[in-house]
Amino acid sequence: MGADILKKFEYLDVILTVIVVFLLYQLLGVVLGTPYPIDVVVSSSMHPNLYEGDLIVCTRGEPKINDIVIYKGMKKYPIIHRVIGINDSYCRGDNPYKIAIKNKTCYTIKGDNNEVRDPPVSEEQIMCVVRVKIPYIGYPRYLIYKILGI
């Protein structure tokens, strides 16, 4: 009987820990002003500045040239790339995608390790600006992404 009670408390501890971690993540998002206060790099597109498994901390803010941002692209997951231009001719339609963003701030963005620039990105697509990188600490999350695709 005593072992059953201990087992129930162990399950309760796990459930409470998950709830507390979730709430702390949400609180951090409110404090930093972004739905993605922390994230993990899962691709090589930002080598040699960000590597797979690096944990990044982000805040809401207006990106400047050379800032690394997280933005909503055409894929299902957010993209971590660098701002290389703001309101330039690339944003106004001089790009292979034939996309022009007018009457609002537009960003030209590219992965440091990529040959080509991303399609123009509007200010509404910018989710946050990367402020801090902590190498390797996000590697368990990266492995989950690589193995399970989530």
C-alpha atoms as a PDB file:
ATOM      1  CA  MET A   1       0.000   0.000   0.000  1.00  0.00           C
ATOM      2  CA  GLY A   2       2.791   2.441   0.850  1.00  0.00           C
ATOM      3  CA  ALA A   3       4.535   1.754  -2.481  1.00  0.00           C
ATOM      4  CA  ASP A   4       1.319   2.592  -4.368  1.00  0.00           C
ATOM      5  CA  ILE A   5       1.067   5.946  -2.619  1.00  0.00           C
ATOM      6  CA  LEU A   6       4.725   6.730  -3.377  1.00  0.00           C
ATOM      7  CA  LYS A   7       4.195   5.834  -7.047  1.00  0.00           C
ATOM      8  CA  LYS A   8       1.176   8.181  -7.213  1.00  0.00           C
ATOM      9  CA  PHE A   9       3.284  10.988  -5.717  1.00  0.00           C
ATOM     10  CA  GLU A  10       6.011  10.327  -8.304  1.00  0.00           C
ATOM     11  CA  TYR A  11       3.472  10.701 -11.124  1.00  0.00           C
ATOM     12  CA  LEU A  12       2.119  13.835  -9.479  1.00  0.00           C
ATOM     13  CA  ASP A  13       5.658  15.265  -9.238  1.00  0.00           C
ATOM     14  CA  VAL A  14       6.233  14.663 -12.946  1.00  0.00           C
ATOM     15  CA  ILE A  15       2.911  16.254 -13.892  1.00  0.00           C
ATOM     16  CA  LEU A  16       3.516  19.270 -11.648  1.00  0.00           C
ATOM     17  CA  THR A  17       7.046  19.699 -13.023  1.00  0.00           C
ATOM     18  CA  VAL A  18       5.745  19.723 -16.601  1.00  0.00           C
ATOM     19  CA  ILE A  19       3.062  22.267 -15.670  1.00  0.00           C
ATOM     20  CA  VAL A  20       5.566  24.525 -13.877  1.00  0.00           C
ATOM     21  CA  VAL A  21       8.026  24.401 -16.812  1.00  0.00           C
ATOM     22  CA  PHE A  22       5.218  25.252 -19.244  1.00  0.00           C
ATOM     23  CA  LEU A  23       4.045  28.167 -17.097  1.00  0.00           C
ATOM     24  CA  LEU A  24       7.599  29.492 -16.699  1.00  0.00           C
ATOM     25  CA  TYR A  25       8.069  29.364 -20.487  1.00  0.00           C
ATOM     26  CA  GLN A  26       4.818  31.293 -20.969  1.00  0.00           C
ATOM     27  CA  LEU A  27       5.842  33.839 -18.323  1.00  0.00           C
ATOM     28  CA  LEU A  28       9.233  34.274 -19.983  1.00  0.00           C
ATOM     29  CA  GLY A  29       7.414  34.921 -23.263  1.00  0.00           C
ATOM     30  CA  VAL A  30       5.318  37.648 -21.638  1.00  0.00           C
ATOM     31  CA  VAL A  31       8.358  39.259 -19.995  1.00  0.00           C
ATOM     32  CA  LEU A  32      10.411  39.207 -23.225  1.00  0.00           C
ATOM     33  CA  GLY A  33       7.421  40.139 -25.396  1.00  0.00           C
ATOM     34  CA  THR A  34       7.545  37.203 -27.797  1.00  0.00           C
ATOM     35  CA  PRO A  35       5.855  33.820 -28.230  1.00  0.00           C
ATOM     36  CA  TYR A  36       9.327  32.301 -28.799  1.00  0.00           C
ATOM     37  CA  PRO A  37      11.437  33.490 -25.843  1.00  0.00           C
ATOM     38  CA  ILE A  38      13.815  30.556 -26.245  1.00  0.00           C
ATOM     39  CA  ASP A  39      14.422  28.270 -29.179  1.00  0.00           C
ATOM     40  CA  VAL A  40      16.960  25.741 -30.409  1.00  0.00           C
ATOM     41  CA  VAL A  41      18.869  25.879 -33.693  1.00  0.00           C
ATOM     42  CA  VAL A  42      18.054  22.775 -35.755  1.00  0.00           C
ATOM     43  CA  SER A  43      19.782  23.427 -39.089  1.00  0.00           C
ATOM     44  CA  SER A  44      23.172  24.403 -40.478  1.00  0.00           C
ATOM     45  CA  SER A  45      21.907  27.506 -42.292  1.00  0.00           C
ATOM     46  CA  MET A  46      23.499  29.872 -39.754  1.00  0.00           C
ATOM     47  CA  HIS A  47      26.991  28.306 -39.567  1.00  0.00           C
ATOM     48  CA  PRO A  48      29.528  29.498 -38.444  1.00  0.00           C
ATOM     49  CA  ASN A  49      27.634  31.756 -36.013  1.00  0.00           C
ATOM     50  CA  LEU A  50      24.919  29.397 -34.787  1.00  0.00           C
ATOM     51  CA  TYR A  51      25.179  25.613 -34.696  1.00  0.00           C
ATOM     52  CA  GLU A  52      22.680  22.808 -34.278  1.00  0.00           C
ATOM     53  CA  GLY A  53      21.835  22.471 -30.605  1.00  0.00           C
ATOM     54  CA  ASP A  54      22.599  26.091 -29.691  1.00  0.00           C
ATOM     55  CA  LEU A  55      19.933  27.554 -27.412  1.00  0.00           C
ATOM     56  CA  ILE A  56      18.921  31.115 -28.288  1.00  0.00           C
ATOM     57  CA  VAL A  57      17.097  33.699 -26.193  1.00  0.00           C
ATOM     58  CA  CYS A  58      14.939  36.230 -28.035  1.00  0.00           C
ATOM     59  CA  THR A  59      13.031  39.428 -27.334  1.00  0.00           C
ATOM     60  CA  ARG A  60      10.498  41.479 -29.201  1.00  0.00           C
ATOM     61  CA  GLY A  61      12.104  44.384 -30.998  1.00  0.00           C
ATOM     62  CA  GLU A  62      12.666  46.165 -34.269  1.00  0.00           C
ATOM     63  CA  PRO A  63      15.425  44.350 -36.148  1.00  0.00           C
ATOM     64  CA  LYS A  64      18.432  46.203 -37.496  1.00  0.00           C
ATOM     65  CA  ILE A  65      20.834  45.129 -40.226  1.00  0.00           C
ATOM     66  CA  ASN A  66      23.007  42.210 -39.003  1.00  0.00           C
ATOM     67  CA  ASP A  67      20.496  41.183 -36.309  1.00  0.00           C
ATOM     68  CA  ILE A  68      19.508  37.527 -36.243  1.00  0.00           C
ATOM     69  CA  VAL A  69      15.740  37.101 -36.165  1.00  0.00           C
ATOM     70  CA  ILE A  70      13.134  34.382 -35.963  1.00  0.00           C
ATOM     71  CA  TYR A  71      10.410  34.823 -38.555  1.00  0.00           C
ATOM     72  CA  LYS A  72       7.391  32.977 -39.925  1.00  0.00           C
ATOM     73  CA  GLY A  73       8.263  31.816 -43.407  1.00  0.00           C
ATOM     74  CA  MET A  74       6.345  29.661 -45.833  1.00  0.00           C
ATOM     75  CA  LYS A  75       7.303  26.497 -43.971  1.00  0.00           C
ATOM     76  CA  LYS A  76       5.446  25.175 -40.940  1.00  0.00           C
ATOM     77  CA  TYR A  77       8.225  26.029 -38.495  1.00  0.00           C
ATOM     78  CA  PRO A  78       9.902  29.363 -37.667  1.00  0.00           C
ATOM     79  CA  ILE A  79      13.143  30.271 -39.450  1.00  0.00           C
ATOM     80  CA  ILE A  80      16.270  31.682 -37.774  1.00  0.00           C
ATOM     81  CA  HIS A  81      18.227  33.914 -40.212  1.00  0.00           C
ATOM     82  CA  ARG A  82      20.078  37.253 -40.389  1.00  0.00           C
ATOM     83  CA  VAL A  83      18.729  40.619 -41.587  1.00  0.00           C
ATOM     84  CA  ILE A  84      20.954  41.836 -44.440  1.00  0.00           C
ATOM     85  CA  GLY A  85      18.777  44.678 -45.749  1.00  0.00           C
ATOM     86  CA  ILE A  86      15.799  46.841 -44.813  1.00  0.00           C
ATOM     87  CA  ASN A  87      13.450  48.428 -47.359  1.00  0.00           C
ATOM     88  CA  ASP A  88      15.946  47.797 -50.165  1.00  0.00           C
ATOM     89  CA  SER A  89      15.293  47.097 -53.859  1.00  0.00           C
ATOM     90  CA  TYR A  90      15.157  43.348 -53.116  1.00  0.00           C
ATOM     91  CA  CYS A  91      12.124  43.995 -50.905  1.00  0.00           C
ATOM     92  CA  ARG A  92      10.472  46.139 -53.556  1.00  0.00           C
ATOM     93  CA  GLY A  93      10.376  43.361 -56.149  1.00  0.00           C
ATOM     94  CA  ASP A  94      13.934  43.058 -57.504  1.00  0.00           C
ATOM     95  CA  ASN A  95      14.171  39.395 -56.457  1.00  0.00           C
ATOM     96  CA  PRO A  96      13.756  35.988 -58.117  1.00  0.00           C
ATOM     97  CA  TYR A  97      10.537  35.355 -56.173  1.00  0.00           C
ATOM     98  CA  LYS A  98       8.807  38.353 -57.816  1.00  0.00           C
ATOM     99  CA  ILE A  99       7.520  39.375 -54.396  1.00  0.00           C
ATOM    100  CA  ALA A 100       7.181  43.062 -53.563  1.00  0.00           C
ATOM    101  CA  ILE A 101       6.259  44.361 -50.121  1.00  0.00           C
ATOM    102  CA  LYS A 102       5.081  47.966 -50.273  1.00  0.00           C
ATOM    103  CA  ASN A 103       3.857  50.503 -47.723  1.00  0.00           C
ATOM    104  CA  LYS A 104       5.350  48.656 -44.743  1.00  0.00           C
ATOM    105  CA  THR A 105       8.772  47.746 -43.427  1.00  0.00           C
ATOM    106  CA  CYS A 106      10.374  44.928 -45.385  1.00  0.00           C
ATOM    107  CA  TYR A 107      13.445  42.875 -44.525  1.00  0.00           C
ATOM    108  CA  THR A 108      15.932  41.088 -46.749  1.00  0.00           C
ATOM    109  CA  ILE A 109      17.007  37.991 -44.840  1.00  0.00           C
ATOM    110  CA  LYS A 110      19.507  35.212 -45.461  1.00  0.00           C
ATOM    111  CA  GLY A 111      21.067  32.330 -43.589  1.00  0.00           C
ATOM    112  CA  ASP A 112      24.792  32.951 -43.007  1.00  0.00           C
ATOM    113  CA  ASN A 113      25.587  29.573 -44.585  1.00  0.00           C
ATOM    114  CA  ASN A 114      23.107  29.899 -47.473  1.00  0.00           C
ATOM    115  CA  GLU A 115      23.955  30.927 -51.034  1.00  0.00           C
ATOM    116  CA  VAL A 116      20.665  32.704 -51.757  1.00  0.00           C
ATOM    117  CA  ARG A 117      18.497  35.168 -49.882  1.00  0.00           C
ATOM    118  CA  ASP A 118      15.088  34.242 -48.515  1.00  0.00           C
ATOM    119  CA  PRO A 119      11.925  35.728 -50.029  1.00  0.00           C
ATOM    120  CA  PRO A 120      11.267  39.269 -48.719  1.00  0.00           C
ATOM    121  CA  VAL A 121       9.931  39.274 -45.151  1.00  0.00           C
ATOM    122  CA  SER A 122       7.331  41.750 -43.869  1.00  0.00           C
ATOM    123  CA  GLU A 123       7.412  43.246 -40.393  1.00  0.00           C
ATOM    124  CA  GLU A 124       4.389  41.107 -39.459  1.00  0.00           C
ATOM    125  CA  GLN A 125       6.386  37.935 -40.109  1.00  0.00           C
ATOM    126  CA  ILE A 126       9.165  38.901 -37.653  1.00  0.00           C
ATOM    127  CA  MET A 127       8.568  37.100 -34.367  1.00  0.00           C
ATOM    128  CA  CYS A 128      11.615  38.176 -32.355  1.00  0.00           C
ATOM    129  CA  VAL A 129      15.257  39.245 -32.384  1.00  0.00           C
ATOM    130  CA  VAL A 130      17.924  36.859 -31.094  1.00  0.00           C
ATOM    131  CA  ARG A 131      19.786  38.428 -28.142  1.00  0.00           C
ATOM    132  CA  VAL A 132      21.773  35.574 -26.555  1.00  0.00           C
ATOM    133  CA  LYS A 133      23.193  32.259 -27.729  1.00  0.00           C
ATOM    134  CA  ILE A 134      24.122  29.448 -25.354  1.00  0.00           C
ATOM    135  CA  PRO A 135      26.130  26.784 -27.212  1.00  0.00           C
ATOM    136  CA  TYR A 136      25.159  23.092 -27.015  1.00  0.00           C
ATOM    137  CA  ILE A 137      22.622  23.389 -24.194  1.00  0.00           C
ATOM    138  CA  GLY A 138      19.727  22.748 -26.583  1.00  0.00           C
ATOM    139  CA  TYR A 139      21.235  19.593 -28.044  1.00  0.00           C
ATOM    140  CA  PRO A 140      18.654  17.225 -26.483  1.00  0.00           C
ATOM    141  CA  ARG A 141      15.893  19.245 -28.189  1.00  0.00           C
ATOM    142  CA  TYR A 142      17.840  19.132 -31.471  1.00  0.00           C
ATOM    143  CA  LEU A 143      18.098  15.332 -31.240  1.00  0.00           C
ATOM    144  CA  ILE A 144      14.338  15.041 -30.678  1.00  0.00           C
ATOM    145  CA  TYR A 145      13.800  17.166 -33.790  1.00  0.00           C
ATOM    146  CA  LYS A 146      16.185  15.044 -35.873  1.00  0.00           C
ATOM    147  CA  ILE A 147      14.865  11.686 -34.664  1.00  0.00           C
ATOM    148  CA  LEU A 148      11.133  12.392 -34.378  1.00  0.00           C
ATOM    149  CA  GLY A 149      10.764  15.412 -36.644  1.00  0.00           C
ATOM    150  CA  ILE A 150       9.027  17.480 -33.967  1.00  0.00           C
END
